[in-house]
PDB file of N, CA and C in Angstrom:
ATOM      1  N   MET A   1      56.092 128.610  57.039  1.00  0.00           N
ATOM      2  CA  MET A   1      57.143 129.279  58.275  1.00  0.00           C
ATOM      3  C   MET A   1      57.923 129.809  57.704  1.00  0.00           C
ATOM      4  N   LYS A   2      58.616 130.836  58.428  1.00  0.00           N
ATOM      5  CA  LYS A   2      59.588 132.038  57.602  1.00  0.00           C
ATOM      6  C   LYS A   2      61.100 131.604  58.159  1.00  0.00           C
ATOM      7  N   TRP A   3      61.796 131.866  57.143  1.00  0.00           N
ATOM      8  CA  TRP A   3      63.645 131.930  57.274  1.00  0.00           C
ATOM      9  C   TRP A   3      63.952 131.958  58.623  1.00  0.00           C
ATOM     10  N   GLU A   4      63.803 133.376  58.647  1.00  0.00           N
ATOM     11  CA  GLU A   4      64.215 133.769  60.665  1.00  0.00           C
ATOM     12  C   GLU A   4      63.663 132.899  61.570  1.00  0.00           C
ATOM     13  N   ASP A   5      62.248 132.087  61.014  1.00  0.00           N
ATOM     14  CA  ASP A   5      62.263 130.955  62.245  1.00  0.00           C
ATOM     15  C   ASP A   5      62.963 129.768  62.125  1.00  0.00           C
ATOM     16  N   MET A   6      63.341 129.354  61.006  1.00  0.00           N
ATOM     17  CA  MET A   6      63.737 128.651  60.762  1.00  0.00           C
ATOM     18  C   MET A   6      64.945 128.292  61.028  1.00  0.00           C
ATOM     19  N   VAL A   7      65.979 129.357  61.002  1.00  0.00           N
ATOM     20  CA  VAL A   7      66.860 129.072  61.022  1.00  0.00           C
ATOM     21  C   VAL A   7      67.472 128.859  62.855  1.00  0.00           C
ATOM     22  N   ASN A   8      66.927 129.542  63.575  1.00  0.00           N
ATOM     23  CA  ASN A   8      66.779 129.935  64.656  1.00  0.00           C
ATOM     24  C   ASN A   8      67.912 128.404  65.459  1.00  0.00           C
ATOM     25  N   ASN A   9      67.200 127.297  65.128  1.00  0.00           N
ATOM     26  CA  ASN A   9      67.703 125.774  65.265  1.00  0.00           C
ATOM     27  C   ASN A   9      68.360 125.380  64.210  1.00  0.00           C
ATOM     28  N   MET A  10      69.010 125.504  63.523  1.00  0.00           N
ATOM     29  CA  MET A  10      69.718 125.057  63.110  1.00  0.00           C
ATOM     30  C   MET A  10      71.597 125.448  62.735  1.00  0.00           C
ATOM     31  N   SER A  11      72.084 124.878  62.314  1.00  0.00           N
ATOM     32  CA  SER A  11      73.877 124.775  62.054  1.00  0.00           C
ATOM     33  C   SER A  11      74.349 126.049  60.621  1.00  0.00           C
ATOM     34  N   THR A  12      75.291 126.692  61.094  1.00  0.00           N
ATOM     35  CA  THR A  12      75.599 127.084  60.335  1.00  0.00           C
ATOM     36  C   THR A  12      76.155 126.512  58.961  1.00  0.00           C
ATOM     37  N   GLU A  13      75.945 125.292  59.150  1.00  0.00           N
ATOM     38  CA  GLU A  13      76.119 124.060  57.614  1.00  0.00           C
ATOM     39  C   GLU A  13      75.402 123.753  57.401  1.00  0.00           C
ATOM     40  N   THR A  14      74.153 123.613  58.005  1.00  0.00           N
ATOM     41  CA  THR A  14      72.667 123.672  57.226  1.00  0.00           C
ATOM     42  C   THR A  14      72.046 124.770  56.655  1.00  0.00           C
ATOM     43  N   ILE A  15      72.342 126.024  57.176  1.00  0.00           N
ATOM     44  CA  ILE A  15      71.988 126.689  57.026  1.00  0.00           C
ATOM     45  C   ILE A  15      72.645 127.706  55.482  1.00  0.00           C
ATOM     46  N   ASN A  16      73.973 126.555  55.472  1.00  0.00           N
ATOM     47  CA  ASN A  16      74.707 127.604  53.746  1.00  0.00           C
ATOM     48  C   ASN A  16      74.506 126.237  52.985  1.00  0.00           C
ATOM     49  N   LEU A  17      74.108 125.064  53.671  1.00  0.00           N
ATOM     50  CA  LEU A  17      73.752 123.461  52.223  1.00  0.00           C
ATOM     51  C   LEU A  17      72.164 124.370  51.090  1.00  0.00           C
ATOM     52  N   ILE A  18      71.037 124.719  52.402  1.00  0.00           N
ATOM     53  CA  ILE A  18      70.276 125.618  52.346  1.00  0.00           C
ATOM     54  C   ILE A  18      70.466 126.346  50.496  1.00  0.00           C
ATOM     55  N   LYS A  19      70.652 127.109  51.365  1.00  0.00           N
ATOM     56  CA  LYS A  19      71.579 128.420  50.374  1.00  0.00           C
ATOM     57  C   LYS A  19      71.926 127.794  49.151  1.00  0.00           C
ATOM     58  N   GLU A  20      72.882 126.966  48.879  1.00  0.00           N
ATOM     59  CA  GLU A  20      73.004 125.879  47.850  1.00  0.00           C
ATOM     60  C   GLU A  20      72.302 125.763  47.036  1.00  0.00           C
ATOM     61  N   TRP A  21      71.283 124.661  48.234  1.00  0.00           N
ATOM     62  CA  TRP A  21      69.811 123.747  47.646  1.00  0.00           C
ATOM     63  C   TRP A  21      68.995 124.750  47.261  1.00  0.00           C
ATOM     64  N   ILE A  22      68.823 125.820  47.488  1.00  0.00           N
ATOM     65  CA  ILE A  22      68.152 126.925  46.452  1.00  0.00           C
ATOM     66  C   ILE A  22      68.809 127.579  44.691  1.00  0.00           C
ATOM     67  N   LYS A  23      70.415 127.808  45.087  1.00  0.00           N
ATOM     68  CA  LYS A  23      70.331 128.230  44.118  1.00  0.00           C
ATOM     69  C   LYS A  23      70.578 127.027  43.111  1.00  0.00           C
ATOM     70  N   ILE A  24      70.553 125.922  43.163  1.00  0.00           N
ATOM     71  CA  ILE A  24      70.621 124.830  42.163  1.00  0.00           C
ATOM     72  C   ILE A  24      69.606 124.326  41.952  1.00  0.00           C
ATOM     73  N   GLY A  25      68.114 124.963  42.384  1.00  0.00           N
ATOM     74  CA  GLY A  25      66.922 124.303  42.563  1.00  0.00           C
ATOM     75  C   GLY A  25      67.279 125.427  41.455  1.00  0.00           C
ATOM     76  N   ASN A  26      66.811 126.671  41.447  1.00  0.00           N
ATOM     77  CA  ASN A  26      66.254 128.231  40.807  1.00  0.00           C
ATOM     78  C   ASN A  26      67.536 128.036  39.589  1.00  0.00           C
ATOM     79  N   HIS A  27      68.181 126.913  39.214  1.00  0.00           N
ATOM     80  CA  HIS A  27      69.370 126.587  38.082  1.00  0.00           C
ATOM     81  C   HIS A  27      68.372 125.229  37.595  1.00  0.00           C
ATOM     82  N   ASN A  28      67.480 125.082  37.834  1.00  0.00           N
ATOM     83  CA  ASN A  28      66.893 123.979  37.392  1.00  0.00           C
ATOM     84  C   ASN A  28      66.033 124.454  36.409  1.00  0.00           C
ATOM     85  N   ILE A  29      65.941 123.951  34.545  1.00  0.00           N
ATOM     86  CA  ILE A  29      64.270 124.709  34.444  1.00  0.00           C
ATOM     87  C   ILE A  29      63.592 124.270  34.910  1.00  0.00           C
ATOM     88  N   TRP A  30      63.309 123.186  35.641  1.00  0.00           N
ATOM     89  CA  TRP A  30      61.725 122.717  35.964  1.00  0.00           C
ATOM     90  C   TRP A  30      61.650 123.199  37.347  1.00  0.00           C
ATOM     91  N   ILE A  31      62.320 123.211  38.132  1.00  0.00           N
ATOM     92  CA  ILE A  31      61.858 123.776  39.544  1.00  0.00           C
ATOM     93  C   ILE A  31      62.427 125.319  39.338  1.00  0.00           C
ATOM     94  N   SER A  32      62.958 126.269  38.150  1.00  0.00           N
ATOM     95  CA  SER A  32      62.828 127.651  38.586  1.00  0.00           C
ATOM     96  C   SER A  32      61.194 128.148  38.354  1.00  0.00           C
ATOM     97  N   GLU A  33      60.665 127.237  37.034  1.00  0.00           N
ATOM     98  CA  GLU A  33      59.332 127.757  36.715  1.00  0.00           C
ATOM     99  C   GLU A  33      57.746 126.879  37.504  1.00  0.00           C
ATOM    100  N   ALA A  34      58.641 126.646  39.042  1.00  0.00           N
ATOM    101  CA  ALA A  34      57.404 126.728  40.211  1.00  0.00           C
ATOM    102  C   ALA A  34      56.491 127.670  40.476  1.00  0.00           C
ATOM    103  N   GLU A  35      55.239 127.001  40.039  1.00  0.00           N
ATOM    104  CA  GLU A  35      54.254 128.514  40.222  1.00  0.00           C
ATOM    105  C   GLU A  35      52.927 127.923  41.932  1.00  0.00           C
ATOM    106  N   ASP A  36      53.111 128.749  43.015  1.00  0.00           N
ATOM    107  CA  ASP A  36      52.215 128.299  43.173  1.00  0.00           C
ATOM    108  C   ASP A  36      51.865 127.349  44.825  1.00  0.00           C
ATOM    109  N   PRO A  37      52.995 126.789  45.040  1.00  0.00           N
ATOM    110  CA  PRO A  37      53.708 128.071  45.323  1.00  0.00           C
ATOM    111  C   PRO A  37      55.624 128.382  44.441  1.00  0.00           C
ATOM    112  N   SER A  38      56.392 129.903  44.674  1.00  0.00           N
ATOM    113  CA  SER A  38      57.425 129.831  43.436  1.00  0.00           C
ATOM    114  C   SER A  38      57.773 129.189  44.765  1.00  0.00           C
ATOM    115  N   PHE A  39      59.393 128.474  43.997  1.00  0.00           N
ATOM    116  CA  PHE A  39      60.059 127.945  44.690  1.00  0.00           C
ATOM    117  C   PHE A  39      60.978 128.333  45.662  1.00  0.00           C
ATOM    118  N   SER A  40      61.258 128.330  46.987  1.00  0.00           N
ATOM    119  CA  SER A  40      61.891 129.466  47.771  1.00  0.00           C
ATOM    120  C   SER A  40      62.282 128.211  49.092  1.00  0.00           C
ATOM    121  N   ILE A  41      62.961 128.536  50.254  1.00  0.00           N
ATOM    122  CA  ILE A  41      63.051 128.277  50.909  1.00  0.00           C
ATOM    123  C   ILE A  41      62.529 127.055  51.890  1.00  0.00           C
ATOM    124  N   ASN A  42      60.810 128.048  51.568  1.00  0.00           N
ATOM    125  CA  ASN A  42      59.759 128.083  52.570  1.00  0.00           C
ATOM    126  C   ASN A  42      58.989 126.887  52.491  1.00  0.00           C
ATOM    127  N   PRO A  43      59.143 125.689  51.508  1.00  0.00           N
ATOM    128  CA  PRO A  43      58.217 124.357  51.451  1.00  0.00           C
ATOM    129  C   PRO A  43      60.180 123.337  52.638  1.00  0.00           C
ATOM    130  N   CYS A  44      60.748 123.578  52.480  1.00  0.00           N
ATOM    131  CA  CYS A  44      61.934 123.085  52.406  1.00  0.00           C
ATOM    132  C   CYS A  44      62.322 122.206  53.814  1.00  0.00           C
ATOM    133  N   ASP A  45      61.816 121.395  53.846  1.00  0.00           N
ATOM    134  CA  ASP A  45      61.557 120.548  55.549  1.00  0.00           C
ATOM    135  C   ASP A  45      62.590 119.332  55.490  1.00  0.00           C
ATOM    136  N   GLU A  46      63.223 119.065  57.168  1.00  0.00           N
ATOM    137  CA  GLU A  46      64.167 118.626  57.320  1.00  0.00           C
ATOM    138  C   GLU A  46      63.383 117.144  57.725  1.00  0.00           C
ATOM    139  N   CYS A  47      63.937 115.910  57.682  1.00  0.00           N
ATOM    140  CA  CYS A  47      63.517 115.107  57.700  1.00  0.00           C
ATOM    141  C   CYS A  47      64.207 114.184  58.794  1.00  0.00           C
ATOM    142  N   LYS A  48      63.936 113.442  59.461  1.00  0.00           N
ATOM    143  CA  LYS A  48      64.650 112.947  60.637  1.00  0.00           C
ATOM    144  C   LYS A  48      65.384 111.339  60.841  1.00  0.00           C
ATOM    145  N   SER A  49      64.479 110.795  59.224  1.00  0.00           N
ATOM    146  CA  SER A  49      65.514 109.856  59.169  1.00  0.00           C
ATOM    147  C   SER A  49      65.322 109.511  57.542  1.00  0.00           C
ATOM    148  N   TRP A  50      65.944 108.173  57.196  1.00  0.00           N
ATOM    149  CA  TRP A  50      65.762 108.323  55.581  1.00  0.00           C
ATOM    150  C   TRP A  50      64.260 107.556  55.789  1.00  0.00           C
ATOM    151  N   GLU A  51      63.902 106.352  56.635  1.00  0.00           N
ATOM    152  CA  GLU A  51      62.216 105.986  56.110  1.00  0.00           C
ATOM    153  C   GLU A  51      61.213 107.312  56.042  1.00  0.00           C
ATOM    154  N   GLU A  52      61.411 108.815  57.253  1.00  0.00           N
ATOM    155  CA  GLU A  52      60.927 109.584  56.874  1.00  0.00           C
ATOM    156  C   GLU A  52      61.024 110.376  55.394  1.00  0.00           C
ATOM    157  N   ILE A  53      61.659 110.704  54.722  1.00  0.00           N
ATOM    158  CA  ILE A  53      61.985 110.452  53.183  1.00  0.00           C
ATOM    159  C   ILE A  53      61.329 109.698  52.742  1.00  0.00           C
ATOM    160  N   ILE A  54      61.625 108.428  52.634  1.00  0.00           N
ATOM    161  CA  ILE A  54      60.692 107.671  51.890  1.00  0.00           C
ATOM    162  C   ILE A  54      59.361 107.569  51.872  1.00  0.00           C
ATOM    163  N   GLU A  55      58.314 107.964  52.766  1.00  0.00           N
ATOM    164  CA  GLU A  55      57.146 107.877  53.527  1.00  0.00           C
ATOM    165  C   GLU A  55      56.699 109.114  52.427  1.00  0.00           C
ATOM    166  N   LYS A  56      57.583 110.737  52.692  1.00  0.00           N
ATOM    167  CA  LYS A  56      57.347 112.122  51.873  1.00  0.00           C
ATOM    168  C   LYS A  56      57.528 111.397  50.299  1.00  0.00           C
ATOM    169  N   LEU A  57      58.060 110.753  49.921  1.00  0.00           N
ATOM    170  CA  LEU A  57      58.031 110.517  48.755  1.00  0.00           C
ATOM    171  C   LEU A  57      57.562 109.555  48.435  1.00  0.00           C
ATOM    172  N   ASN A  58      56.600 108.545  49.202  1.00  0.00           N
ATOM    173  CA  ASN A  58      55.941 107.902  48.337  1.00  0.00           C
ATOM    174  C   ASN A  58      54.097 108.791  48.703  1.00  0.00           C
ATOM    175  N   GLN A  59      53.918 109.540  49.247  1.00  0.00           N
ATOM    176  CA  GLN A  59      52.818 109.825  49.318  1.00  0.00           C
ATOM    177  C   GLN A  59      52.637 110.405  47.869  1.00  0.00           C
ATOM    178  N   GLY A  60      53.497 110.954  46.897  1.00  0.00           N
ATOM    179  CA  GLY A  60      53.008 111.661  46.236  1.00  0.00           C
ATOM    180  C   GLY A  60      51.851 113.203  45.317  1.00  0.00           C
ATOM    181  N   ASN A  61      51.913 113.088  44.519  1.00  0.00           N
ATOM    182  CA  ASN A  61      51.345 114.419  44.548  1.00  0.00           C
ATOM    183  C   ASN A  61      51.878 115.871  44.629  1.00  0.00           C
ATOM    184  N   TRP A  62      52.313 115.858  44.770  1.00  0.00           N
ATOM    185  CA  TRP A  62      53.400 117.063  45.304  1.00  0.00           C
ATOM    186  C   TRP A  62      53.683 118.096  44.346  1.00  0.00           C
ATOM    187  N   CYS A  63      53.737 119.695  45.018  1.00  0.00           N
ATOM    188  CA  CYS A  63      53.339 120.935  44.024  1.00  0.00           C
ATOM    189  C   CYS A  63      55.116 121.123  43.164  1.00  0.00           C
ATOM    190  N   ASN A  64      55.347 121.222  42.819  1.00  0.00           N
ATOM    191  CA  ASN A  64      56.657 121.333  41.643  1.00  0.00           C
ATOM    192  C   ASN A  64      57.703 122.954  43.034  1.00  0.00           C
ATOM    193  N   GLY A  65      58.679 122.191  43.405  1.00  0.00           N
ATOM    194  CA  GLY A  65      59.622 122.864  44.319  1.00  0.00           C
ATOM    195  C   GLY A  65      59.448 122.719  45.585  1.00  0.00           C
ATOM    196  N   GLN A  66      58.447 121.781  45.606  1.00  0.00           N
ATOM    197  CA  GLN A  66      58.205 120.785  47.352  1.00  0.00           C
ATOM    198  C   GLN A  66      59.798 120.004  47.314  1.00  0.00           C
ATOM    199  N   ALA A  67      60.859 120.519  48.426  1.00  0.00           N
ATOM    200  CA  ALA A  67      62.128 119.842  48.786  1.00  0.00           C
ATOM    201  C   ALA A  67      61.593 119.591  50.517  1.00  0.00           C
ATOM    202  N   PHE A  68      62.586 118.066  50.289  1.00  0.00           N
ATOM    203  CA  PHE A  68      62.550 117.770  52.128  1.00  0.00           C
ATOM    204  C   PHE A  68      64.352 117.496  52.022  1.00  0.00           C
ATOM    205  N   TYR A  69      64.778 117.289  53.073  1.00  0.00           N
ATOM    206  CA  TYR A  69      66.210 116.951  53.123  1.00  0.00           C
ATOM    207  C   TYR A  69      66.148 116.087  54.697  1.00  0.00           C
ATOM    208  N   TYR A  70      67.103 115.600  54.311  1.00  0.00           N
ATOM    209  CA  TYR A  70      67.863 114.508  55.549  1.00  0.00           C
ATOM    210  C   TYR A  70      69.605 115.213  55.631  1.00  0.00           C
ATOM    211  N   LYS A  71      69.620 115.543  56.381  1.00  0.00           N
ATOM    212  CA  LYS A  71      71.319 115.472  56.573  1.00  0.00           C
ATOM    213  C   LYS A  71      72.096 116.582  55.947  1.00  0.00           C
ATOM    214  N   ASN A  72      72.866 115.165  54.509  1.00  0.00           N
ATOM    215  CA  ASN A  72      73.081 116.487  53.922  1.00  0.00           C
ATOM    216  C   ASN A  72      72.842 115.971  52.413  1.00  0.00           C
ATOM    217  N   PHE A  73      71.950 115.094  52.510  1.00  0.00           N
ATOM    218  CA  PHE A  73      70.510 115.240  50.860  1.00  0.00           C
ATOM    219  C   PHE A  73      69.785 116.339  50.836  1.00  0.00           C
ATOM    220  N   CYS A  74      69.249 116.307  49.601  1.00  0.00           N
ATOM    221  CA  CYS A  74      68.259 116.943  49.551  1.00  0.00           C
ATOM    222  C   CYS A  74      67.456 116.656  48.415  1.00  0.00           C
ATOM    223  N   PHE A  75      66.480 116.641  48.574  1.00  0.00           N
ATOM    224  CA  PHE A  75      65.044 116.322  46.693  1.00  0.00           C
ATOM    225  C   PHE A  75      63.697 117.182  46.891  1.00  0.00           C
ATOM    226  N   ILE A  76      64.318 117.665  45.854  1.00  0.00           N
ATOM    227  CA  ILE A  76      63.366 119.018  45.164  1.00  0.00           C
ATOM    228  C   ILE A  76      62.484 118.492  44.175  1.00  0.00           C
ATOM    229  N   ASN A  77      60.486 117.917  44.130  1.00  0.00           N
ATOM    230  CA  ASN A  77      60.461 117.827  43.140  1.00  0.00           C
ATOM    231  C   ASN A  77      60.643 118.735  41.742  1.00  0.00           C
ATOM    232  N   GLN A  78      60.000 118.369  41.345  1.00  0.00           N
ATOM    233  CA  GLN A  78      60.730 119.329  39.478  1.00  0.00           C
ATOM    234  C   GLN A  78      59.281 119.160  39.112  1.00  0.00           C
ATOM    235  N   VAL A  79      58.381 118.044  39.254  1.00  0.00           N
ATOM    236  CA  VAL A  79      56.872 118.509  38.438  1.00  0.00           C
ATOM    237  C   VAL A  79      55.553 118.769  39.595  1.00  0.00           C
ATOM    238  N   ASN A  80      54.980 119.609  38.973  1.00  0.00           N
ATOM    239  CA  ASN A  80      53.402 119.802  39.920  1.00  0.00           C
ATOM    240  C   ASN A  80      52.863 118.039  40.091  1.00  0.00           C
ATOM    241  N   GLY A  81      52.424 118.295  41.081  1.00  0.00           N
ATOM    242  CA  GLY A  81      51.765 116.805  41.200  1.00  0.00           C
ATOM    243  C   GLY A  81      52.139 115.855  40.795  1.00  0.00           C
ATOM    244  N   GLY A  82      53.347 115.962  40.705  1.00  0.00           N
ATOM    245  CA  GLY A  82      54.248 114.291  39.848  1.00  0.00           C
ATOM    246  C   GLY A  82      55.447 113.889  41.121  1.00  0.00           C
ATOM    247  N   ASP A  83      56.078 113.393  40.835  1.00  0.00           N
ATOM    248  CA  ASP A  83      57.140 112.632  41.663  1.00  0.00           C
ATOM    249  C   ASP A  83      58.154 112.531  40.555  1.00  0.00           C
ATOM    250  N   GLU A  84      59.199 113.560  40.271  1.00  0.00           N
ATOM    251  CA  GLU A  84      60.375 113.312  40.096  1.00  0.00           C
ATOM    252  C   GLU A  84      61.051 113.921  40.279  1.00  0.00           C
ATOM    253  N   TRP A  85      62.710 113.976  41.098  1.00  0.00           N
ATOM    254  CA  TRP A  85      62.566 114.583  42.031  1.00  0.00           C
ATOM    255  C   TRP A  85      64.211 114.784  42.068  1.00  0.00           C
ATOM    256  N   LEU A  86      65.111 115.469  41.590  1.00  0.00           N
ATOM    257  CA  LEU A  86      66.065 116.323  41.931  1.00  0.00           C
ATOM    258  C   LEU A  86      67.069 116.027  42.955  1.00  0.00           C
ATOM    259  N   VAL A  87      68.013 114.972  43.224  1.00  0.00           N
ATOM    260  CA  VAL A  87      68.579 114.643  44.631  1.00  0.00           C
ATOM    261  C   VAL A  87      69.790 115.617  44.388  1.00  0.00           C
ATOM    262  N   ILE A  88      69.926 116.151  45.089  1.00  0.00           N
ATOM    263  CA  ILE A  88      71.084 116.965  45.407  1.00  0.00           C
ATOM    264  C   ILE A  88      71.646 116.007  46.615  1.00  0.00           C
ATOM    265  N   ARG A  89      72.851 115.724  47.190  1.00  0.00           N
ATOM    266  CA  ARG A  89      74.179 115.741  47.494  1.00  0.00           C
ATOM    267  C   ARG A  89      75.236 116.754  48.129  1.00  0.00           C
ATOM    268  N   GLY A  90      75.208 117.377  49.252  1.00  0.00           N
ATOM    269  CA  GLY A  90      75.858 118.244  49.356  1.00  0.00           C
ATOM    270  C   GLY A  90      75.409 119.277  49.053  1.00  0.00           C
ATOM    271  N   ASN A  91      76.448 120.199  48.263  1.00  0.00           N
ATOM    272  CA  ASN A  91      76.246 121.069  47.262  1.00  0.00           C
ATOM    273  C   ASN A  91      76.349 120.554  45.167  1.00  0.00           C
ATOM    274  N   ILE A  92      75.796 119.311  45.387  1.00  0.00           N
ATOM    275  CA  ILE A  92      75.928 118.752  43.801  1.00  0.00           C
ATOM    276  C   ILE A  92      74.497 118.146  43.729  1.00  0.00           C
ATOM    277  N   ALA A  93      74.162 118.293  42.762  1.00  0.00           N
ATOM    278  CA  ALA A  93      72.977 117.498  41.777  1.00  0.00           C
ATOM    279  C   ALA A  93      73.614 116.660  40.664  1.00  0.00           C
ATOM    280  N   PHE A  94      73.059 115.195  41.400  1.00  0.00           N
ATOM    281  CA  PHE A  94      73.564 114.124  41.258  1.00  0.00           C
ATOM    282  C   PHE A  94      72.320 113.645  40.454  1.00  0.00           C
ATOM    283  N   GLU A  95      71.693 113.582  40.325  1.00  0.00           N
ATOM    284  CA  GLU A  95      70.588 112.571  39.582  1.00  0.00           C
ATOM    285  C   GLU A  95      68.953 112.734  40.256  1.00  0.00           C
ATOM    286  N   SER A  96      68.088 112.232  39.037  1.00  0.00           N
ATOM    287  CA  SER A  96      66.946 112.955  39.113  1.00  0.00           C
ATOM    288  C   SER A  96      66.095 111.117  39.009  1.00  0.00           C
ATOM    289  N   ILE A  97      65.221 111.648  39.837  1.00  0.00           N
ATOM    290  CA  ILE A  97      63.843 109.685  40.666  1.00  0.00           C
ATOM    291  C   ILE A  97      63.272 109.728  40.717  1.00  0.00           C
ATOM    292  N   SER A  98      62.390 109.230  40.520  1.00  0.00           N
ATOM    293  CA  SER A  98      60.567 108.641  40.057  1.00  0.00           C
ATOM    294  C   SER A  98      60.196 108.190  41.315  1.00  0.00           C
TER     295      SER A  98
END
């Protein structure tokens, strides 16, 4: 999905958060090296609940740079085919979880 299509249904606050998450991801040594696909907004999927986040994180085998968010929390995979997630709350990267 293209950025233009995604933002049609998003609040300005969410758009600004996603832009911050992209900056943070691009400054992360592992995420910035993502290939196939490279890290961008395209793989950032909104989840509607914590249960949905947990379900996605439990699936495993995600590409490096895959991102999910729920409200102001974002999870970006740091390992190709793995499950090491950078956790961002608002605009602060504060944890890495497996």
